[in-house]
Amino acid sequence: MNTPILRRTAAGAHLPWALILLVLGLLLAAAAPALAHGVTLGDKGYIQEVTGVKLIPFLYLGAKHMVTGYDHLLFLFGVIFFLYGMKQIGTYVTLFAIGHSTTMLAGVWFNFGINSYVIDAIIGFSVVYKALDNLGAFRAWFGVQPNTKVATLIFGFLHGFGLSSKILDYGISPDGLLPNLLAFNVGVEIGQLLALAAILLVMTRWRATPSFARQAYAANVAMMAAGFALMGYQLVGLAVA
């Protein structure tokens, strides 16, 4: 997927209301450690205490994680920003889902995790990367266009490690582990489809406005700033932990 180099066409361009809500949501989340990548404190307690096969609860937890996962939503927003055809959108979302599912399942099953602050900082970087890609920065700076499909898959792997590391930190019970993980993963994909539908609804209406081309530059700059905020929040947490 080749994206054009966007240029600021109006110094006073206003951000679309949907993006403003995304950024505000990110700032609110960053102010509350309980809302960092993973699950809420109540869900954390449930994961720590429950034993046996609990398909419906883990299905719900997976869907909830994706719908409320601001880091995932920002990256997904960036991925589909310049995708118009449903076939293209399906391809990229599937690559992200494959990557996310593989490392989430494998990480927990094989008890392999990455420091939560480090992996969440990398996830923040994925948002920055996608914003720069949308702005055409890599071609302008280095004269090359990275393979966006490969990048989406790789960052999908990293997003999955972010969640698997959290689940391992919570000490999930081995009793019923595989079916619970599979149910959780199905829930994640359901949540991703719901989030994608909402994002596409907003994007479709936004793209139909004459101001989209003018606002696209500002939107991706704001997304990049949000990614840097995520990175900074996690790196500060790593330094003081």
Protein backbone atom coordinates (compact mmCIF):
# COMPACT_ATOMS: atom_id res chain seq x y z
CA MET A 1 0.00 0.00 0.00
CA ASN A 2 1.54 3.29 -1.08
CA THR A 3 0.44 6.43 0.71
CA PRO A 4 1.08 10.00 -0.43
CA ILE A 5 3.18 12.53 1.41
CA LEU A 6 0.60 14.72 3.10
CA ARG A 7 1.11 18.43 3.33
CA ARG A 8 -0.54 20.92 5.62
CA THR A 9 -2.96 22.84 3.42
CA ALA A 10 -4.53 25.03 6.05
CA ALA A 11 -2.81 26.27 9.18
CA GLY A 12 -6.10 26.45 11.02
CA ALA A 13 -7.39 22.99 10.04
CA HIS A 14 -9.60 21.47 12.69
CA LEU A 15 -9.34 17.87 13.79
CA PRO A 16 -12.40 15.69 13.25
CA TRP A 17 -14.46 15.15 16.38
CA ALA A 18 -13.84 11.39 16.33
CA LEU A 19 -10.07 11.87 16.53
CA ILE A 20 -10.45 14.39 19.32
CA LEU A 21 -12.40 11.79 21.29
CA LEU A 22 -9.69 9.19 20.63
CA VAL A 23 -6.95 11.50 21.88
CA LEU A 24 -8.95 12.55 24.94
CA GLY A 25 -9.63 8.91 25.71
CA LEU A 26 -5.92 8.17 25.48
CA LEU A 27 -5.03 11.00 27.85
CA LEU A 28 -7.62 9.83 30.38
CA ALA A 29 -6.30 6.29 30.14
CA ALA A 30 -2.71 7.43 30.58
CA ALA A 31 -3.73 9.20 33.78
CA ALA A 32 -4.98 5.95 35.32
CA PRO A 33 -2.49 3.06 35.65
CA ALA A 34 -5.40 0.65 36.12
CA LEU A 35 -6.37 1.30 32.50
CA ALA A 36 -2.94 0.49 31.07
CA HIS A 37 -2.59 -2.29 28.51
CA GLY A 38 -4.24 -5.43 29.79
CA VAL A 39 -7.38 -5.66 31.93
CA THR A 40 -9.06 -3.76 34.76
CA LEU A 41 -8.37 -4.54 38.39
CA GLY A 42 -11.66 -6.41 38.74
CA ASP A 43 -10.93 -8.56 35.70
CA LYS A 44 -7.39 -9.11 36.96
CA GLY A 45 -8.76 -10.51 40.21
CA TYR A 46 -11.10 -12.81 38.31
CA ILE A 47 -8.27 -14.17 36.15
CA GLN A 48 -6.14 -14.79 39.23
CA GLU A 49 -8.85 -16.63 41.16
CA VAL A 50 -10.88 -18.58 38.58
CA THR A 51 -10.14 -22.23 37.83
CA GLY A 52 -11.62 -24.66 35.32
CA VAL A 53 -13.16 -24.04 31.93
CA LYS A 54 -14.99 -20.69 31.81
CA LEU A 55 -15.68 -20.06 28.14
CA ILE A 56 -18.27 -17.28 28.30
CA PRO A 57 -16.42 -15.14 30.88
CA PHE A 58 -13.16 -15.38 28.93
CA LEU A 59 -15.00 -14.67 25.67
CA TYR A 60 -16.36 -11.51 27.30
CA LEU A 61 -12.95 -10.52 28.69
CA GLY A 62 -11.37 -10.88 25.25
CA ALA A 63 -13.98 -8.72 23.55
CA LYS A 64 -13.80 -6.14 26.33
CA HIS A 65 -10.02 -5.98 26.07
CA MET A 66 -10.07 -5.16 22.37
CA VAL A 67 -12.95 -2.67 22.50
CA THR A 68 -11.33 -0.76 25.39
CA GLY A 69 -7.72 -1.24 24.25
CA TYR A 70 -6.79 2.28 23.17
CA ASP A 71 -3.35 1.16 21.92
CA HIS A 72 -4.90 -1.46 19.63
CA LEU A 73 -7.57 0.96 18.42
CA LEU A 74 -5.05 3.67 17.57
CA PHE A 75 -2.95 1.23 15.56
CA LEU A 76 -6.02 -0.18 13.81
CA PHE A 77 -7.18 3.37 13.05
CA GLY A 78 -3.81 4.06 11.42
CA VAL A 79 -3.80 0.81 9.45
CA ILE A 80 -7.14 1.46 7.74
CA PHE A 81 -6.71 5.24 7.42
CA PHE A 82 -6.01 5.14 3.67
CA LEU A 83 -7.68 1.80 2.89
CA TYR A 84 -10.93 2.12 0.95
CA GLY A 85 -11.66 -1.35 -0.44
CA MET A 86 -13.12 -3.98 1.87
CA LYS A 87 -10.76 -6.61 0.42
CA GLN A 88 -7.75 -4.48 1.36
CA ILE A 89 -9.14 -3.76 4.80
CA GLY A 90 -9.87 -7.46 5.34
CA THR A 91 -6.33 -8.41 4.35
CA TYR A 92 -4.63 -6.01 6.74
CA VAL A 93 -6.98 -6.68 9.65
CA THR A 94 -6.51 -10.43 9.13
CA LEU A 95 -2.71 -10.05 9.21
CA PHE A 96 -2.96 -8.09 12.46
CA ALA A 97 -5.33 -10.69 13.93
CA ILE A 98 -3.03 -13.58 12.96
CA GLY A 99 -0.06 -11.88 14.58
CA HIS A 100 -1.96 -10.84 17.70
CA SER A 101 -3.55 -14.27 18.20
CA THR A 102 -0.35 -16.25 17.60
CA THR A 103 1.81 -14.55 20.20
CA MET A 104 -0.98 -14.15 22.73
CA LEU A 105 -1.73 -17.88 22.69
CA ALA A 106 1.87 -19.06 22.34
CA GLY A 107 3.19 -16.61 24.93
CA VAL A 108 0.81 -17.81 27.64
CA TRP A 109 0.94 -21.51 26.68
CA PHE A 110 4.75 -21.63 26.63
CA ASN A 111 5.07 -19.26 29.57
CA PHE A 112 7.05 -16.67 27.61
CA GLY A 113 6.55 -13.01 28.42
CA ILE A 114 8.24 -9.64 27.93
CA ASN A 115 8.50 -6.89 30.50
CA SER A 116 5.12 -5.16 30.37
CA TYR A 117 6.56 -1.65 30.29
CA VAL A 118 8.96 -2.54 27.47
CA ILE A 119 6.39 -4.28 25.25
CA ASP A 120 3.80 -1.53 25.83
CA ALA A 121 6.38 1.09 24.86
CA ILE A 122 7.01 -0.88 21.66
CA ILE A 123 3.25 -0.96 21.05
CA GLY A 124 3.23 2.83 21.43
CA PHE A 125 6.02 2.94 18.85
CA SER A 126 3.83 0.91 16.47
CA VAL A 127 1.32 3.77 16.53
CA VAL A 128 4.09 6.27 15.78
CA TYR A 129 5.39 4.06 12.96
CA LYS A 130 1.98 3.78 11.32
CA ALA A 131 1.38 7.53 11.51
CA LEU A 132 4.77 8.17 9.86
CA ASP A 133 3.96 5.57 7.22
CA ASN A 134 0.65 7.30 6.48
CA LEU A 135 2.49 10.61 6.15
CA GLY A 136 4.90 9.11 3.61
CA ALA A 137 7.84 9.92 5.88
CA PHE A 138 9.91 6.81 5.12
CA ARG A 139 9.92 7.43 1.38
CA ALA A 140 10.69 11.12 1.91
CA TRP A 141 13.49 10.49 4.42
CA PHE A 142 15.05 7.26 3.19
CA GLY A 143 13.77 6.85 -0.36
CA VAL A 144 12.12 3.49 0.41
CA GLN A 145 8.61 2.35 1.25
CA PRO A 146 8.52 -0.45 3.87
CA ASN A 147 6.27 -3.41 3.14
CA THR A 148 3.13 -2.41 5.02
CA LYS A 149 1.70 -5.93 5.11
CA VAL A 150 4.84 -7.33 6.73
CA ALA A 151 4.92 -4.42 9.18
CA THR A 152 1.27 -5.00 10.13
CA LEU A 153 1.95 -8.69 10.81
CA ILE A 154 5.08 -7.94 12.86
CA PHE A 155 3.32 -5.34 14.96
CA GLY A 156 0.44 -7.80 15.38
CA PHE A 157 2.94 -10.22 16.94
CA LEU A 158 4.14 -7.50 19.30
CA HIS A 159 0.61 -6.46 20.32
CA GLY A 160 -0.10 -10.10 21.17
CA PHE A 161 2.97 -10.30 23.38
CA GLY A 162 1.70 -7.26 25.25
CA LEU A 163 -1.39 -9.11 26.36
CA SER A 164 0.27 -12.49 26.97
CA SER A 165 2.79 -10.79 29.25
CA LYS A 166 -0.04 -9.27 31.30
CA ILE A 167 -1.90 -12.58 31.58
CA LEU A 168 1.28 -14.31 32.76
CA ASP A 169 1.84 -11.58 35.33
CA TYR A 170 -1.62 -12.34 36.72
CA GLY A 171 -0.83 -16.03 37.20
CA ILE A 172 -3.70 -17.57 35.22
CA SER A 173 -4.65 -21.07 36.40
CA PRO A 174 -3.41 -24.03 34.29
CA ASP A 175 -6.76 -25.73 34.95
CA GLY A 176 -8.77 -25.15 31.78
CA LEU A 177 -6.00 -22.98 30.34
CA LEU A 178 -6.25 -23.92 26.65
CA PRO A 179 -10.05 -23.64 26.21
CA ASN A 180 -10.07 -20.42 28.24
CA LEU A 181 -7.30 -18.95 26.10
CA LEU A 182 -9.10 -19.96 22.90
CA ALA A 183 -12.33 -18.39 24.17
CA PHE A 184 -10.44 -15.24 25.11
CA ASN A 185 -8.91 -15.09 21.64
CA VAL A 186 -12.31 -15.51 19.96
CA GLY A 187 -13.57 -12.67 22.14
CA VAL A 188 -10.64 -10.51 21.04
CA GLU A 189 -11.54 -11.09 17.38
CA ILE A 190 -15.21 -10.30 18.05
CA GLY A 191 -14.16 -7.11 19.81
CA GLN A 192 -11.86 -6.23 16.92
CA LEU A 193 -14.71 -6.61 14.43
CA LEU A 194 -16.98 -4.41 16.55
CA ALA A 195 -14.28 -1.76 16.92
CA LEU A 196 -13.48 -1.94 13.21
CA ALA A 197 -17.14 -1.46 12.28
CA ALA A 198 -17.34 1.67 14.45
CA ILE A 199 -14.09 3.07 13.06
CA LEU A 200 -15.16 2.41 9.46
CA LEU A 201 -18.51 4.10 10.08
CA VAL A 202 -16.76 7.22 11.30
CA MET A 203 -14.09 7.08 8.58
CA THR A 204 -16.66 6.65 5.79
CA ARG A 205 -18.59 9.74 6.89
CA TRP A 206 -15.39 11.71 7.43
CA ARG A 207 -13.94 10.82 4.02
CA ALA A 208 -17.13 12.06 2.35
CA THR A 209 -16.53 15.59 3.68
CA PRO A 210 -14.57 18.12 1.58
CA SER A 211 -12.27 18.77 4.57
CA PHE A 212 -10.87 15.22 4.77
CA ALA A 213 -7.76 15.85 2.64
CA ARG A 214 -6.94 18.94 4.70
CA GLN A 215 -7.54 17.23 8.03
CA ALA A 216 -5.75 13.95 7.22
CA TYR A 217 -2.32 15.47 7.84
CA ALA A 218 -3.33 16.86 11.23
CA ALA A 219 -5.03 13.59 12.19
CA ASN A 220 -1.90 11.54 11.57
CA VAL A 221 0.28 14.05 13.40
CA ALA A 222 -2.09 13.80 16.37
CA MET A 223 -1.98 10.00 16.18
CA MET A 224 1.82 10.13 16.17
CA ALA A 225 1.77 12.39 19.22
CA ALA A 226 -0.54 9.92 20.98
CA GLY A 227 1.91 7.11 20.18
CA PHE A 228 4.78 9.11 21.66
CA ALA A 229 2.65 9.75 24.75
CA LEU A 230 2.09 6.02 25.15
CA MET A 231 5.81 5.35 24.77
CA GLY A 232 6.74 8.04 27.27
CA TYR A 233 4.21 6.84 29.83
CA GLN A 234 5.56 3.29 29.71
CA LEU A 235 9.23 4.30 29.71
CA VAL A 236 8.69 6.49 32.77
CA GLY A 237 6.95 3.55 34.42
CA LEU A 238 9.91 1.32 33.57
CA ALA A 239 12.35 3.86 35.06
CA VAL A 240 10.50 4.19 38.37
CA ALA A 241 9.35 0.57 38.74
